C-alpha atoms as a PDB file:
ATOM      1  CA  MET A   1      -2.904  -6.948 -21.064  1.00  0.00           C
ATOM      2  CA  ARG A   2      -4.524  -8.383 -24.106  1.00  0.00           C
ATOM      3  CA  GLU A   3      -2.651  -6.023 -26.332  1.00  0.00           C
ATOM      4  CA  LEU A   4       0.664  -6.724 -24.734  1.00  0.00           C
ATOM      5  CA  ALA A   5      -0.022 -10.535 -24.945  1.00  0.00           C
ATOM      6  CA  ALA A   6      -0.759 -10.103 -28.684  1.00  0.00           C
ATOM      7  CA  ARG A   7       2.448  -8.164 -29.215  1.00  0.00           C
ATOM      8  CA  LEU A   8       4.502 -10.752 -27.315  1.00  0.00           C
ATOM      9  CA  ASP A   9       2.585 -13.634 -29.001  1.00  0.00           C
ATOM     10  CA  VAL A  10       1.827 -15.317 -25.694  1.00  0.00           C
ATOM     11  CA  PRO A  11      -1.484 -16.268 -24.097  1.00  0.00           C
ATOM     12  CA  PRO A  12      -3.116 -13.410 -22.157  1.00  0.00           C
ATOM     13  CA  ILE A  13      -3.055 -15.527 -18.941  1.00  0.00           C
ATOM     14  CA  GLN A  14       0.774 -15.368 -18.971  1.00  0.00           C
ATOM     15  CA  VAL A  15       0.730 -11.589 -18.945  1.00  0.00           C
ATOM     16  CA  ALA A  16      -1.969 -11.541 -16.191  1.00  0.00           C
ATOM     17  CA  GLU A  17       0.153 -13.952 -14.086  1.00  0.00           C
ATOM     18  CA  VAL A  18       3.215 -11.766 -14.331  1.00  0.00           C
ATOM     19  CA  ALA A  19       1.166  -8.586 -13.505  1.00  0.00           C
ATOM     20  CA  ALA A  20      -0.413 -10.252 -10.504  1.00  0.00           C
ATOM     21  CA  PHE A  21       2.879 -11.369  -9.199  1.00  0.00           C
ATOM     22  CA  TYR A  22       4.631  -8.039  -8.941  1.00  0.00           C
ATOM     23  CA  ASP A  23       3.585  -5.367  -6.484  1.00  0.00           C
ATOM     24  CA  MET A  24       4.414  -2.541  -8.886  1.00  0.00           C
ATOM     25  CA  PHE A  25       1.597  -3.394 -11.275  1.00  0.00           C
ATOM     26  CA  ARG A  26      -1.908  -2.304 -10.462  1.00  0.00           C
ATOM     27  CA  LEU A  27      -4.682  -4.469 -11.710  1.00  0.00           C
ATOM     28  CA  LYS A  28      -7.401  -2.074 -10.546  1.00  0.00           C
ATOM     29  CA  PRO A  29      -7.472   1.616  -9.632  1.00  0.00           C
ATOM     30  CA  GLY A  30      -5.894   2.490  -6.276  1.00  0.00           C
ATOM     31  CA  GLY A  31      -5.709   5.459  -3.974  1.00  0.00           C
ATOM     32  CA  GLN A  32      -3.349   8.381  -4.562  1.00  0.00           C
ATOM     33  CA  ARG A  33      -1.108   7.047  -1.850  1.00  0.00           C
ATOM     34  CA  GLU A  34      -0.487   3.382  -1.171  1.00  0.00           C
ATOM     35  CA  ILE A  35       0.140   2.290   2.368  1.00  0.00           C
ATOM     36  CA  TRP A  36       2.358  -0.771   2.044  1.00  0.00           C
ATOM     37  CA  VAL A  37       2.378  -2.929   5.129  1.00  0.00           C
ATOM     38  CA  CYS A  38       4.999  -5.761   5.352  1.00  0.00           C
ATOM     39  CA  HIS A  39       3.499  -8.948   6.695  1.00  0.00           C
ATOM     40  CA  ASN A  40       6.395 -11.238   6.119  1.00  0.00           C
ATOM     41  CA  LEU A  41       8.103 -13.206   9.026  1.00  0.00           C
ATOM     42  CA  SER A  42       9.634 -10.491  11.196  1.00  0.00           C
ATOM     43  CA  CYS A  43       6.781  -8.015  10.741  1.00  0.00           C
ATOM     44  CA  GLY A  44       4.171 -10.834  11.090  1.00  0.00           C
ATOM     45  CA  LEU A  45       5.678 -11.999  14.313  1.00  0.00           C
ATOM     46  CA  LEU A  46       5.695  -8.571  15.791  1.00  0.00           C
ATOM     47  CA  GLY A  47       2.145  -7.541  14.962  1.00  0.00           C
ATOM     48  CA  ALA A  48       1.688  -6.666  11.280  1.00  0.00           C
ATOM     49  CA  GLU A  49      -1.761  -8.353  11.186  1.00  0.00           C
ATOM     50  CA  GLN A  50      -2.993  -6.193  13.973  1.00  0.00           C
ATOM     51  CA  VAL A  51      -1.623  -3.097  12.168  1.00  0.00           C
ATOM     52  CA  ILE A  52      -3.376  -4.086   9.003  1.00  0.00           C
ATOM     53  CA  ARG A  53      -6.661  -4.696  10.804  1.00  0.00           C
ATOM     54  CA  ARG A  54      -6.431  -1.297  12.507  1.00  0.00           C
ATOM     55  CA  LEU A  55      -5.675   0.387   9.189  1.00  0.00           C
ATOM     56  CA  GLU A  56      -8.707  -1.358   7.614  1.00  0.00           C
ATOM     57  CA  GLU A  57     -10.982  -0.254  10.516  1.00  0.00           C
ATOM     58  CA  ARG A  58      -9.557   3.336  10.428  1.00  0.00           C
ATOM     59  CA  LEU A  59      -9.921   3.758   6.677  1.00  0.00           C
ATOM     60  CA  GLY A  60     -13.106   1.748   6.265  1.00  0.00           C
ATOM     61  CA  VAL A  61     -11.699  -0.557   3.561  1.00  0.00           C
ATOM     62  CA  THR A  62      -9.984  -3.893   3.262  1.00  0.00           C
ATOM     63  CA  ALA A  63      -6.451  -4.361   2.072  1.00  0.00           C
ATOM     64  CA  GLY A  64      -6.333  -3.960  -1.723  1.00  0.00           C
ATOM     65  CA  GLN A  65      -9.192  -1.419  -1.837  1.00  0.00           C
ATOM     66  CA  ALA A  66      -9.089   2.315  -2.278  1.00  0.00           C
ATOM     67  CA  THR A  67     -10.805   4.607   0.287  1.00  0.00           C
ATOM     68  CA  PRO A  68     -13.987   6.218  -0.907  1.00  0.00           C
ATOM     69  CA  ASP A  69     -12.237   9.613  -1.217  1.00  0.00           C
ATOM     70  CA  GLY A  70      -9.555   8.010  -3.435  1.00  0.00           C
ATOM     71  CA  LEU A  71      -6.781   9.026  -1.127  1.00  0.00           C
ATOM     72  CA  PHE A  72      -5.463   5.737   0.193  1.00  0.00           C
ATOM     73  CA  THR A  73      -5.000   2.071  -0.640  1.00  0.00           C
ATOM     74  CA  ILE A  74      -3.710  -0.474   1.892  1.00  0.00           C
ATOM     75  CA  LYS A  75      -1.440  -3.020   0.393  1.00  0.00           C
ATOM     76  CA  ARG A  76       0.007  -6.096   1.938  1.00  0.00           C
ATOM     77  CA  VAL A  77       3.613  -6.696   0.804  1.00  0.00           C
ATOM     78  CA  GLU A  78       5.914  -9.588   1.347  1.00  0.00           C
ATOM     79  CA  CYS A  79       9.091  -7.674   2.363  1.00  0.00           C
ATOM     80  CA  LEU A  80      10.171  -4.069   2.565  1.00  0.00           C
ATOM     81  CA  GLY A  81      13.788  -4.980   3.535  1.00  0.00           C
ATOM     82  CA  ALA A  82      13.525  -3.179   6.905  1.00  0.00           C
ATOM     83  CA  CYS A  83      13.303  -5.970   9.390  1.00  0.00           C
ATOM     84  CA  GLY A  84      14.970  -3.833  12.013  1.00  0.00           C
ATOM     85  CA  LEU A  85      11.883  -1.544  11.942  1.00  0.00           C
ATOM     86  CA  ALA A  86       9.429  -4.443  12.136  1.00  0.00           C
ATOM     87  CA  PRO A  87       6.527  -4.130  11.806  1.00  0.00           C
ATOM     88  CA  VAL A  88       7.130  -1.611   9.051  1.00  0.00           C
ATOM     89  CA  ILE A  89       4.940   0.500   6.733  1.00  0.00           C
ATOM     90  CA  GLN A  90       6.114   2.300   3.612  1.00  0.00           C
ATOM     91  CA  VAL A  91       4.321   5.199   1.996  1.00  0.00           C
ATOM     92  CA  GLY A  92       6.100   6.417  -1.103  1.00  0.00           C
ATOM     93  CA  PRO A  93       9.749   6.726  -0.165  1.00  0.00           C
ATOM     94  CA  ASP A  94       9.053   7.069   3.562  1.00  0.00           C
ATOM     95  CA  TYR A  95       9.325   4.155   6.027  1.00  0.00           C
ATOM     96  CA  TYR A  96       7.543   4.091   9.352  1.00  0.00           C
ATOM     97  CA  GLY A  97       8.436   1.627  12.104  1.00  0.00           C
ATOM     98  CA  PRO A  98       8.288  -0.091  14.342  1.00  0.00           C
ATOM     99  CA  VAL A  99       4.526   0.594  14.064  1.00  0.00           C
ATOM    100  CA  SER A 100       1.867  -0.881  16.431  1.00  0.00           C
ATOM    101  CA  ALA A 101      -1.898  -0.798  16.004  1.00  0.00           C
ATOM    102  CA  ASN A 102      -1.938   2.053  18.482  1.00  0.00           C
ATOM    103  CA  ASP A 103       0.192   4.203  16.146  1.00  0.00           C
ATOM    104  CA  VAL A 104      -2.181   3.810  13.151  1.00  0.00           C
ATOM    105  CA  ASP A 105      -4.619   6.655  13.854  1.00  0.00           C
ATOM    106  CA  GLY A 106      -1.838   9.175  14.274  1.00  0.00           C
ATOM    107  CA  LEU A 107       0.008   7.952  11.207  1.00  0.00           C
ATOM    108  CA  VAL A 108      -3.206   8.181   9.060  1.00  0.00           C
ATOM    109  CA  GLU A 109      -3.740  11.740  10.314  1.00  0.00           C
ATOM    110  CA  GLN A 110      -0.102  12.661   9.418  1.00  0.00           C
ATOM    111  CA  LEU A 111      -0.495  11.128   5.923  1.00  0.00           C
ATOM    112  CA  LYS A 112      -3.797  13.017   5.383  1.00  0.00           C
ATOM    113  CA  GLN A 113      -2.127  16.366   6.396  1.00  0.00           C
ATOM    114  CA  GLN A 114       0.812  15.684   4.027  1.00  0.00           C
ATOM    115  CA  SER A 115      -1.662  14.882   1.286  1.00  0.00           C
ATOM    116  CA  ALA A 116      -3.562  18.169   1.946  1.00  0.00           C
ATOM    117  CA  VAL A 117      -0.340  20.123   1.878  1.00  0.00           C
ATOM    118  CA  SER A 118       0.777  18.452  -1.321  1.00  0.00           C
ATOM    119  CA  SER A 119      -2.705  19.071  -3.006  1.00  0.00           C
ATOM    120  CA  ALA A 120      -2.575  22.752  -1.982  1.00  0.00           C
ATOM    121  CA  LEU A 121       0.941  23.165  -3.390  1.00  0.00           C
ATOM    122  CA  LYS A 122      -0.120  21.633  -6.664  1.00  0.00           C
ATOM    123  CA  ALA A 123      -3.224  23.904  -6.843  1.00  0.00           C
ATOM    124  CA  ASP A 124      -1.006  26.931  -6.320  1.00  0.00           C
ATOM    125  CA  SER A 125       1.380  26.095  -9.120  1.00  0.00           C
END
């Protein structure tokens, strides 16, 4: 960020503010797969906080942290544009919803299996 600030001739804090605002920029290392959980109005009213708490319990990290195995990061996001699926989770291009806290364990296992298959395919190529 310092290098970019110098190239743009702006204070480093301006670059940091922009990077912190947008979800697409990472300010610290994350997991291989990010679990985005919308906690905006529709999702929040229908249980997003309970889903986030269950994900944190299940994965043993708080939102924003990577799991010890480096596989997942839970990320709170403002809107995924899928209010009809509220509360909704996005992992890569895939949307899951409506999701309840009771669905979290099964979803995590499904994502772990997908990651294992993906890793095995990469190893074979």
